[in-house]
């Protein structure tokens, strides 16, 4: 993984980071290079994304207000595949075409799911193709009120323990 991706992976749950690295290595062996574009996200960053398409310009990109995204808990990442052969690496944000999900994106999503991750491609309310998350025993859709309160009072590691994914 490149330096930018590693900086983002360093801020999320270590098991999730390891699964993403495994996925990225398998993709790289097939000539598909990814970059982690988002990892841990602050409440302010999440609020700004949620405002997009509502009270701020741009299309809606999330239905999760601040505190309702697993990015806020270090349990989700967003990624992008690269344009094959680009040097330096260039993102290929075109996920779908008239035939559906493009092959490189489909392969990345499949390998993420093979790691036991939940893909935003499977969300009902909004298709979030670049999103992968690992929630342990927390619900897939949104963190519980208890998790939200625990994040504020005790931090990430306390939420990870609640999710059954402590860090030793």
C-alpha atoms as a PDB file:
ATOM      1  CA  UNK A   1       0.000   0.000   0.000  1.00  0.00           C
ATOM      2  CA  UNK A   2       1.165   3.512  -0.674  1.00  0.00           C
ATOM      3  CA  UNK A   3       2.129   6.004   2.043  1.00  0.00           C
ATOM      4  CA  UNK A   4      -1.201   7.878   1.881  1.00  0.00           C
ATOM      5  CA  UNK A   5      -3.156   4.642   2.347  1.00  0.00           C
ATOM      6  CA  UNK A   6      -0.913   3.494   5.194  1.00  0.00           C
ATOM      7  CA  UNK A   7      -1.410   6.810   7.028  1.00  0.00           C
ATOM      8  CA  UNK A   8      -5.170   6.293   6.833  1.00  0.00           C
ATOM      9  CA  UNK A   9      -4.978   2.619   7.808  1.00  0.00           C
ATOM     10  CA  UNK A  10      -2.945   3.538  10.889  1.00  0.00           C
ATOM     11  CA  UNK A  11      -5.995   5.340  12.313  1.00  0.00           C
ATOM     12  CA  UNK A  12      -8.525   2.497  12.024  1.00  0.00           C
ATOM     13  CA  UNK A  13      -9.002  -0.789  13.863  1.00  0.00           C
ATOM     14  CA  UNK A  14      -5.884  -2.919  13.249  1.00  0.00           C
ATOM     15  CA  UNK A  15      -7.863  -6.009  12.176  1.00  0.00           C
ATOM     16  CA  UNK A  16      -9.747  -3.969   9.582  1.00  0.00           C
ATOM     17  CA  UNK A  17      -6.445  -2.490   8.400  1.00  0.00           C
ATOM     18  CA  UNK A  18      -4.957  -5.985   8.033  1.00  0.00           C
ATOM     19  CA  UNK A  19      -7.969  -7.177   6.026  1.00  0.00           C
ATOM     20  CA  UNK A  20      -7.674  -4.165   3.711  1.00  0.00           C
ATOM     21  CA  UNK A  21      -3.957  -4.846   3.200  1.00  0.00           C
ATOM     22  CA  UNK A  22      -4.714  -8.482   2.350  1.00  0.00           C
ATOM     23  CA  UNK A  23      -7.353  -7.353  -0.143  1.00  0.00           C
ATOM     24  CA  UNK A  24      -4.985  -4.759  -1.653  1.00  0.00           C
ATOM     25  CA  UNK A  25      -2.172  -7.310  -2.009  1.00  0.00           C
ATOM     26  CA  UNK A  26      -4.480  -9.746  -3.819  1.00  0.00           C
ATOM     27  CA  UNK A  27      -5.672  -6.962  -6.118  1.00  0.00           C
ATOM     28  CA  UNK A  28      -2.106  -5.785  -6.807  1.00  0.00           C
ATOM     29  CA  UNK A  29      -1.191  -9.340  -7.839  1.00  0.00           C
ATOM     30  CA  UNK A  30      -3.930  -8.974 -10.478  1.00  0.00           C
ATOM     31  CA  UNK A  31      -2.675  -5.555 -11.617  1.00  0.00           C
ATOM     32  CA  UNK A  32      -5.327  -3.562  -9.716  1.00  0.00           C
ATOM     33  CA  UNK A  33      -3.914  -0.896  -7.415  1.00  0.00           C
ATOM     34  CA  UNK A  34      -6.131   0.767  -4.827  1.00  0.00           C
ATOM     35  CA  UNK A  35      -5.730   3.728  -2.513  1.00  0.00           C
ATOM     36  CA  UNK A  36      -7.521   4.261   0.764  1.00  0.00           C
ATOM     37  CA  UNK A  37      -9.248   7.615   0.330  1.00  0.00           C
ATOM     38  CA  UNK A  38     -10.914   7.770   3.739  1.00  0.00           C
ATOM     39  CA  UNK A  39     -10.508   6.009   7.044  1.00  0.00           C
ATOM     40  CA  UNK A  40     -11.247   7.567  10.401  1.00  0.00           C
ATOM     41  CA  UNK A  41     -13.478  10.593   9.941  1.00  0.00           C
ATOM     42  CA  UNK A  42     -14.232  13.312  12.492  1.00  0.00           C
ATOM     43  CA  UNK A  43     -17.785  14.312  13.371  1.00  0.00           C
ATOM     44  CA  UNK A  44     -17.178  17.627  11.574  1.00  0.00           C
ATOM     45  CA  UNK A  45     -16.020  15.866   8.412  1.00  0.00           C
ATOM     46  CA  UNK A  46     -19.048  13.557   8.544  1.00  0.00           C
ATOM     47  CA  UNK A  47     -21.406  16.496   9.104  1.00  0.00           C
ATOM     48  CA  UNK A  48     -19.954  18.254   6.050  1.00  0.00           C
ATOM     49  CA  UNK A  49     -20.468  15.159   3.887  1.00  0.00           C
ATOM     50  CA  UNK A  50     -24.027  14.746   5.188  1.00  0.00           C
ATOM     51  CA  UNK A  51     -24.795  18.393   4.372  1.00  0.00           C
ATOM     52  CA  UNK A  52     -23.725  17.851   0.756  1.00  0.00           C
ATOM     53  CA  UNK A  53     -26.823  17.722  -1.423  1.00  0.00           C
ATOM     54  CA  UNK A  54     -28.937  18.976   1.466  1.00  0.00           C
ATOM     55  CA  UNK A  55     -27.737  22.341   2.749  1.00  0.00           C
ATOM     56  CA  UNK A  56     -24.429  22.430   0.840  1.00  0.00           C
ATOM     57  CA  UNK A  57     -23.723  22.151  -2.901  1.00  0.00           C
ATOM     58  CA  UNK A  58     -23.102  18.809  -4.550  1.00  0.00           C
ATOM     59  CA  UNK A  59     -24.799  15.436  -4.779  1.00  0.00           C
ATOM     60  CA  UNK A  60     -25.817  13.430  -1.732  1.00  0.00           C
ATOM     61  CA  UNK A  61     -23.028  11.010  -0.901  1.00  0.00           C
ATOM     62  CA  UNK A  62     -24.177   9.698   2.468  1.00  0.00           C
ATOM     63  CA  UNK A  63     -27.305   9.195   4.520  1.00  0.00           C
ATOM     64  CA  UNK A  64     -25.259   9.071   7.739  1.00  0.00           C
ATOM     65  CA  UNK A  65     -25.142  12.215   9.864  1.00  0.00           C
ATOM     66  CA  UNK A  66     -22.237  12.771  12.242  1.00  0.00           C
ATOM     67  CA  UNK A  67     -21.953   9.881  14.696  1.00  0.00           C
ATOM     68  CA  UNK A  68     -23.918   7.523  12.452  1.00  0.00           C
ATOM     69  CA  UNK A  69     -21.088   6.457  10.147  1.00  0.00           C
ATOM     70  CA  UNK A  70     -18.669   3.694  11.009  1.00  0.00           C
ATOM     71  CA  UNK A  71     -15.948   6.010   9.694  1.00  0.00           C
ATOM     72  CA  UNK A  72     -16.396   7.964  12.948  1.00  0.00           C
ATOM     73  CA  UNK A  73     -15.470   4.785  14.854  1.00  0.00           C
ATOM     74  CA  UNK A  74     -12.425   3.657  12.858  1.00  0.00           C
ATOM     75  CA  UNK A  75     -14.433   0.706  11.522  1.00  0.00           C
ATOM     76  CA  UNK A  76     -14.813   1.746   7.862  1.00  0.00           C
ATOM     77  CA  UNK A  77     -12.743   2.828   4.896  1.00  0.00           C
ATOM     78  CA  UNK A  78     -13.377   4.192   1.436  1.00  0.00           C
ATOM     79  CA  UNK A  79     -11.080   3.252  -1.425  1.00  0.00           C
ATOM     80  CA  UNK A  80     -10.584   3.933  -5.092  1.00  0.00           C
ATOM     81  CA  UNK A  81      -9.113   1.756  -7.806  1.00  0.00           C
ATOM     82  CA  UNK A  82      -6.400   3.268  -9.949  1.00  0.00           C
ATOM     83  CA  UNK A  83      -6.292   3.775 -13.675  1.00  0.00           C
ATOM     84  CA  UNK A  84      -4.250   0.821 -14.985  1.00  0.00           C
ATOM     85  CA  UNK A  85      -0.690   1.788 -15.892  1.00  0.00           C
ATOM     86  CA  UNK A  86      -0.910   5.339 -14.527  1.00  0.00           C
ATOM     87  CA  UNK A  87       2.327   6.599 -13.055  1.00  0.00           C
ATOM     88  CA  UNK A  88       1.948   8.302 -10.705  1.00  0.00           C
ATOM     89  CA  UNK A  89      -1.210   6.584  -9.494  1.00  0.00           C
ATOM     90  CA  UNK A  90      -4.411   8.222 -10.742  1.00  0.00           C
ATOM     91  CA  UNK A  91      -7.909   7.438  -9.386  1.00  0.00           C
ATOM     92  CA  UNK A  92     -10.577   5.843 -11.541  1.00  0.00           C
ATOM     93  CA  UNK A  93     -13.793   7.042  -9.908  1.00  0.00           C
ATOM     94  CA  UNK A  94     -16.012   5.651 -12.656  1.00  0.00           C
ATOM     95  CA  UNK A  95     -17.501   2.739 -10.710  1.00  0.00           C
ATOM     96  CA  UNK A  96     -20.337   1.845 -13.067  1.00  0.00           C
ATOM     97  CA  UNK A  97     -21.169   2.037 -16.740  1.00  0.00           C
ATOM     98  CA  UNK A  98     -24.152   0.929 -18.812  1.00  0.00           C
ATOM     99  CA  UNK A  99     -23.284  -2.713 -18.089  1.00  0.00           C
ATOM    100  CA  UNK A 100     -23.220  -2.235 -14.277  1.00  0.00           C
ATOM    101  CA  UNK A 101     -20.257  -2.277 -11.919  1.00  0.00           C
ATOM    102  CA  UNK A 102     -17.023  -2.089 -13.881  1.00  0.00           C
ATOM    103  CA  UNK A 103     -14.770  -5.174 -13.570  1.00  0.00           C
ATOM    104  CA  UNK A 104     -11.946  -3.670 -11.472  1.00  0.00           C
ATOM    105  CA  UNK A 105     -14.432  -2.250  -8.980  1.00  0.00           C
ATOM    106  CA  UNK A 106     -16.416  -5.498  -8.900  1.00  0.00           C
ATOM    107  CA  UNK A 107     -13.229  -7.451  -8.194  1.00  0.00           C
ATOM    108  CA  UNK A 108     -12.193  -5.101  -5.376  1.00  0.00           C
ATOM    109  CA  UNK A 109     -15.635  -5.323  -3.779  1.00  0.00           C
ATOM    110  CA  UNK A 110     -15.642  -9.117  -4.116  1.00  0.00           C
ATOM    111  CA  UNK A 111     -12.232  -9.428  -2.452  1.00  0.00           C
ATOM    112  CA  UNK A 112     -13.281  -7.062   0.350  1.00  0.00           C
ATOM    113  CA  UNK A 113     -16.356  -9.170   0.997  1.00  0.00           C
ATOM    114  CA  UNK A 114     -14.168 -12.304   0.910  1.00  0.00           C
ATOM    115  CA  UNK A 115     -12.329 -10.759   3.885  1.00  0.00           C
ATOM    116  CA  UNK A 116     -15.641 -10.711   5.759  1.00  0.00           C
ATOM    117  CA  UNK A 117     -16.207  -6.992   5.233  1.00  0.00           C
ATOM    118  CA  UNK A 118     -19.553  -5.355   4.553  1.00  0.00           C
ATOM    119  CA  UNK A 119     -19.670  -3.482   1.257  1.00  0.00           C
ATOM    120  CA  UNK A 120     -21.512  -0.212   0.758  1.00  0.00           C
ATOM    121  CA  UNK A 121     -22.429  -1.622  -2.662  1.00  0.00           C
ATOM    122  CA  UNK A 122     -24.998  -3.703  -0.780  1.00  0.00           C
ATOM    123  CA  UNK A 123     -26.611  -0.772   1.062  1.00  0.00           C
ATOM    124  CA  UNK A 124     -30.261  -0.223   0.230  1.00  0.00           C
ATOM    125  CA  UNK A 125     -30.599   3.529   0.797  1.00  0.00           C
ATOM    126  CA  UNK A 126     -27.535   4.643  -1.169  1.00  0.00           C
ATOM    127  CA  UNK A 127     -25.009   2.611  -3.146  1.00  0.00           C
ATOM    128  CA  UNK A 128     -21.655   3.466  -1.613  1.00  0.00           C
ATOM    129  CA  UNK A 129     -19.358   1.358  -3.789  1.00  0.00           C
ATOM    130  CA  UNK A 130     -16.032   2.627  -2.383  1.00  0.00           C
ATOM    131  CA  UNK A 131     -17.096   1.806   1.220  1.00  0.00           C
ATOM    132  CA  UNK A 132     -16.067  -1.258   3.250  1.00  0.00           C
ATOM    133  CA  UNK A 133     -16.726  -1.738   6.945  1.00  0.00           C
ATOM    134  CA  UNK A 134     -16.234  -4.197   9.776  1.00  0.00           C
ATOM    135  CA  UNK A 135     -18.677  -3.769  12.659  1.00  0.00           C
ATOM    136  CA  UNK A 136     -18.173  -6.813  14.850  1.00  0.00           C
ATOM    137  CA  UNK A 137     -21.308  -7.333  16.896  1.00  0.00           C
ATOM    138  CA  UNK A 138     -22.597  -3.803  16.280  1.00  0.00           C
ATOM    139  CA  UNK A 139     -25.446  -3.483  13.749  1.00  0.00           C
ATOM    140  CA  UNK A 140     -24.402  -3.111  10.109  1.00  0.00           C
ATOM    141  CA  UNK A 141     -26.539  -0.055   9.406  1.00  0.00           C
ATOM    142  CA  UNK A 142     -25.565   2.410  12.108  1.00  0.00           C
ATOM    143  CA  UNK A 143     -23.797   2.420  15.464  1.00  0.00           C
ATOM    144  CA  UNK A 144     -25.996   2.059  18.535  1.00  0.00           C
ATOM    145  CA  UNK A 145     -26.719   4.962  20.897  1.00  0.00           C
ATOM    146  CA  UNK A 146     -24.525   3.164  23.446  1.00  0.00           C
ATOM    147  CA  UNK A 147     -21.619   3.101  20.945  1.00  0.00           C
ATOM    148  CA  UNK A 148     -22.130   6.797  20.176  1.00  0.00           C
ATOM    149  CA  UNK A 149     -22.065   7.724  23.865  1.00  0.00           C
ATOM    150  CA  UNK A 150     -19.071   5.480  24.515  1.00  0.00           C
ATOM    151  CA  UNK A 151     -17.077   7.092  21.695  1.00  0.00           C
ATOM    152  CA  UNK A 152     -17.569  10.505  23.251  1.00  0.00           C
ATOM    153  CA  UNK A 153     -16.875   9.398  26.824  1.00  0.00           C
ATOM    154  CA  UNK A 154     -14.134   6.783  26.399  1.00  0.00           C
ATOM    155  CA  UNK A 155     -12.863   6.851  22.805  1.00  0.00           C
ATOM    156  CA  UNK A 156     -12.322   4.429  19.936  1.00  0.00           C
ATOM    157  CA  UNK A 157     -10.860   1.527  21.888  1.00  0.00           C
ATOM    158  CA  UNK A 158     -13.908   1.417  24.157  1.00  0.00           C
ATOM    159  CA  UNK A 159     -16.222   1.203  21.134  1.00  0.00           C
ATOM    160  CA  UNK A 160     -14.025  -1.491  19.606  1.00  0.00           C
ATOM    161  CA  UNK A 161     -14.313  -3.490  22.842  1.00  0.00           C
ATOM    162  CA  UNK A 162     -18.111  -3.036  22.777  1.00  0.00           C
ATOM    163  CA  UNK A 163     -18.086  -4.366  19.200  1.00  0.00           C
ATOM    164  CA  UNK A 164     -16.195  -7.440  20.390  1.00  0.00           C
ATOM    165  CA  UNK A 165     -13.012  -6.299  18.639  1.00  0.00           C
ATOM    166  CA  UNK A 166     -10.658  -5.115  21.399  1.00  0.00           C
ATOM    167  CA  UNK A 167      -7.088  -4.163  20.689  1.00  0.00           C
ATOM    168  CA  UNK A 168      -4.498  -5.846  22.878  1.00  0.00           C
END
